Amino acid sequence: MGDAKTDHDSHREQASMNRRYIIWRNRNAQDRALQELINRANVA
């Protein structure tokens, strides 16, 4: 886990990465192969 005390640039970069991931995940939500991979990873 990252350090809770980060400078503003690191926080902004992390927030940007989170937004990009959520957008990517939502665009790929209907991908059955990806969903099966996620389900297998969640069980492990």
N, C-alpha and C. Protein backbone atom coordinates (compact mmCIF):
# COMPACT_ATOMS: atom_id res chain seq x y z
N MET A 1 0.84 -1.19 0.00
CA MET A 1 0.00 0.00 0.00
C MET A 1 0.88 1.25 0.00
N GLY A 2 0.37 2.32 -0.59
CA GLY A 2 1.13 3.56 -0.61
C GLY A 2 1.07 4.29 0.72
N ASP A 3 2.01 5.17 0.87
CA ASP A 3 2.08 5.99 2.07
C ASP A 3 0.90 6.97 2.08
N ALA A 4 0.26 7.10 3.23
CA ALA A 4 -0.89 8.00 3.34
C ALA A 4 -0.48 9.46 3.15
N LYS A 5 0.77 9.78 3.46
CA LYS A 5 1.27 11.15 3.31
C LYS A 5 1.94 11.29 1.96
N THR A 6 1.18 11.74 0.97
CA THR A 6 1.74 11.95 -0.36
C THR A 6 1.63 13.41 -0.72
N ASP A 7 2.53 13.86 -1.59
CA ASP A 7 2.43 15.25 -2.03
C ASP A 7 1.30 15.39 -3.03
N HIS A 8 0.94 16.58 -3.35
CA HIS A 8 -0.23 16.82 -4.19
C HIS A 8 -0.10 16.17 -5.56
N ASP A 9 1.09 16.22 -6.16
CA ASP A 9 1.27 15.63 -7.49
C ASP A 9 1.02 14.13 -7.46
N SER A 10 1.50 13.44 -6.43
CA SER A 10 1.27 12.00 -6.35
C SER A 10 -0.21 11.70 -6.19
N HIS A 11 -0.89 12.48 -5.38
CA HIS A 11 -2.33 12.28 -5.19
C HIS A 11 -3.07 12.52 -6.49
N ARG A 12 -2.70 13.55 -7.20
CA ARG A 12 -3.35 13.85 -8.48
C ARG A 12 -3.10 12.73 -9.48
N GLU A 13 -1.86 12.23 -9.52
CA GLU A 13 -1.55 11.13 -10.42
C GLU A 13 -2.34 9.88 -10.07
N GLN A 14 -2.47 9.59 -8.80
CA GLN A 14 -3.24 8.42 -8.36
C GLN A 14 -4.71 8.58 -8.74
N ALA A 15 -5.25 9.76 -8.53
CA ALA A 15 -6.66 10.01 -8.88
C ALA A 15 -6.87 9.85 -10.38
N SER A 16 -5.91 10.31 -11.17
CA SER A 16 -6.00 10.18 -12.62
C SER A 16 -5.98 8.72 -13.04
N MET A 17 -5.09 7.94 -12.42
CA MET A 17 -5.03 6.51 -12.72
C MET A 17 -6.34 5.82 -12.35
N ASN A 18 -6.91 6.19 -11.22
CA ASN A 18 -8.19 5.60 -10.80
C ASN A 18 -9.29 5.92 -11.80
N ARG A 19 -9.36 7.17 -12.24
CA ARG A 19 -10.39 7.55 -13.21
C ARG A 19 -10.22 6.78 -14.51
N ARG A 20 -8.97 6.68 -15.00
CA ARG A 20 -8.73 5.95 -16.25
C ARG A 20 -9.11 4.49 -16.11
N TYR A 21 -8.81 3.87 -14.96
CA TYR A 21 -9.17 2.47 -14.75
C TYR A 21 -10.69 2.29 -14.75
N ILE A 22 -11.40 3.16 -14.07
CA ILE A 22 -12.87 3.05 -14.00
C ILE A 22 -13.47 3.20 -15.39
N ILE A 23 -12.97 4.14 -16.17
CA ILE A 23 -13.45 4.32 -17.55
C ILE A 23 -13.18 3.07 -18.36
N TRP A 24 -11.95 2.53 -18.26
CA TRP A 24 -11.59 1.31 -18.98
C TRP A 24 -12.49 0.15 -18.56
N ARG A 25 -12.68 -0.01 -17.24
CA ARG A 25 -13.50 -1.11 -16.72
C ARG A 25 -14.93 -1.00 -17.24
N ASN A 26 -15.49 0.20 -17.21
CA ASN A 26 -16.87 0.38 -17.67
C ASN A 26 -17.00 0.11 -19.17
N ARG A 27 -16.01 0.50 -19.96
CA ARG A 27 -16.05 0.24 -21.40
C ARG A 27 -15.93 -1.24 -21.70
N ASN A 28 -15.27 -2.00 -20.82
CA ASN A 28 -15.05 -3.42 -21.05
C ASN A 28 -15.96 -4.31 -20.21
N ALA A 29 -16.99 -3.73 -19.63
CA ALA A 29 -17.86 -4.47 -18.72
C ALA A 29 -18.59 -5.61 -19.42
N GLN A 30 -18.84 -5.51 -20.72
CA GLN A 30 -19.59 -6.53 -21.44
C GLN A 30 -18.68 -7.59 -22.06
N ASP A 31 -17.36 -7.49 -21.84
CA ASP A 31 -16.41 -8.45 -22.39
C ASP A 31 -16.47 -9.73 -21.56
N ARG A 32 -17.08 -10.78 -22.11
CA ARG A 32 -17.30 -12.02 -21.37
C ARG A 32 -15.98 -12.68 -20.95
N ALA A 33 -15.00 -12.71 -21.84
CA ALA A 33 -13.71 -13.34 -21.51
C ALA A 33 -13.03 -12.60 -20.37
N LEU A 34 -13.09 -11.27 -20.42
CA LEU A 34 -12.49 -10.47 -19.34
C LEU A 34 -13.24 -10.72 -18.04
N GLN A 35 -14.56 -10.79 -18.08
CA GLN A 35 -15.34 -11.03 -16.88
C GLN A 35 -15.01 -12.39 -16.27
N GLU A 36 -14.83 -13.40 -17.13
CA GLU A 36 -14.47 -14.73 -16.60
C GLU A 36 -13.10 -14.69 -15.95
N LEU A 37 -12.15 -13.96 -16.53
CA LEU A 37 -10.83 -13.83 -15.94
C LEU A 37 -10.91 -13.14 -14.57
N ILE A 38 -11.69 -12.07 -14.48
CA ILE A 38 -11.86 -11.35 -13.22
C ILE A 38 -12.49 -12.26 -12.18
N ASN A 39 -13.50 -13.01 -12.59
CA ASN A 39 -14.16 -13.92 -11.63
C ASN A 39 -13.18 -14.96 -11.11
N ARG A 40 -12.34 -15.51 -11.98
CA ARG A 40 -11.33 -16.49 -11.52
C ARG A 40 -10.34 -15.84 -10.57
N ALA A 41 -9.92 -14.61 -10.87
CA ALA A 41 -8.96 -13.91 -10.01
C ALA A 41 -9.58 -13.59 -8.65
N ASN A 42 -10.86 -13.25 -8.62
CA ASN A 42 -11.52 -12.93 -7.35
C ASN A 42 -11.67 -14.16 -6.45
N VAL A 43 -11.78 -15.34 -7.04
CA VAL A 43 -11.92 -16.58 -6.26
C VAL A 43 -10.58 -16.95 -5.63
N ALA A 44 -9.50 -16.69 -6.36
CA ALA A 44 -8.15 -17.09 -5.90
C ALA A 44 -7.72 -16.32 -4.67
